[in-house]
Amino acid sequence: MPRKKIKLPYQIDYLSVLNEKGRVDEKLVPDISDDLLLKLHYYMLLGRRFDERLLNLQRQGRIGTFPPISGQEASQLGAVAALQESDWMAPSFRETIAEIWRGRTLESVIIANNGYSEGAQAPADNRNLPVSIPVGSQILHAVGIGYGIKYRHQKEVAMAFFGDGATSEGDFHEGLNFAGVFQTPTVFVCQNNQWAISVPRSQQTHAETLAQKALAYGMPGIQVDGNDILAVYAAAQEAVERARNSEGPTLIECVTYRLSVHTTADDPKKYRGEEEVEIWKKRDPLDRFQKFLIARQLLSTSKIETTESEIKEVIQKAVDRAEEQMQTMGNPMDMFEHAYAELPPYLKKQKEYLAQELAAEKKE
């Protein structure tokens, strides 16, 4: 019998709309309003400046360890902008500006990064899952939500964010397999920032792309320039529409770069060269988007300066409010809550002991 090629229902494309010089392929520009373009710019600039301020606060000892997002704003905002308020988002730990786009306050980010559980509390009607620290675990949560949406015959979508490192985890493969089998309305957004902490992408997989892993699970995959917000939005919009129309899940690989540290406990100079960072700085998503908006006469240098001033004030007010709120936060007794429906005997004893110690301190 002759050898035959197996025809697969999908192939992997690469999408880029806006190049590093701010020029676009007009045929590929997504249908996006001027108002939305300007809103995306505002949040991209807010994400960058807030990131810089958080780093300063951490170095001053005013917040704890946090994961910077600089360089990855386009892959977050371009994807999340395609969602409706009724849709669900399952973030990892580096989707700060995507969470803010979806309604999280700057104050809550500051409070959470100081270790207060109050910073992780979300309004009851909010459809953003809490930040997920274990790598890849939120993928399963998004698939489960997608399964529930399909079971109830609803028109909602669940979007999961994760990094390239998560594609080396079992949760990623289990999640995509389940989503493919049951055709859940789930959009998987991989922010391939080239490094899983200190492990380069080349040591995680021999595959040419991460997007092609979608093919094994019977879903479309696409690789996009993750520093091109127009390309990310176009890919996400298509994937969200497919999911909403009961056409199943999609994997989007956003090729981007982490310009800063993995977290503030990390020193990237130990595992990557400055030459590599400089190359990616020339591909800065914020710079190229501003060039595009200026060319479209939607933005000007003076408008950028005005927006910078507005954002600086917004951030400062958020810092002031957060530090004021934290003065009355932090009841140690809260550590015994929400882990067990009924406390085990040994924890009951510890809780009673701590309550006595705190009561004694008050008397002093």
Foldseek 3Di string as FASTA:
>chain_A
DDDDDDDFPEDEAEDDAAFLQLDGDVVQFDPDDLVVLVVLLLLLLLLVVLLVVVLVCCVVVNFDKAFRQFFQSLLLSLQLVLFDLQAAEEEARRNVSNVVVSPQASLLVRLVRRPFPVSQDDDPSGRYDGHHHPALPSLQVQLVVQLVCVVVVHLYAYEYEHELVSLLDPNVVVSLLSQLVSQGRYEYEYEHQQDPQQRGSVVRDVDPDPQCVSSVNRAHGYEYASLRNSRSNSVSNVSNVCSSVSNGYYYYYHHIHDLDHRMPVGDNVVRDPVVVSVVRVSSRSSVSSQSNCVVVVSDDPVRVVVSSVVSVVSSVVSVVVSVVVVVPGDDPLCVQPDPDPDDDPVVVVVSVVVVVVVVVVVVD
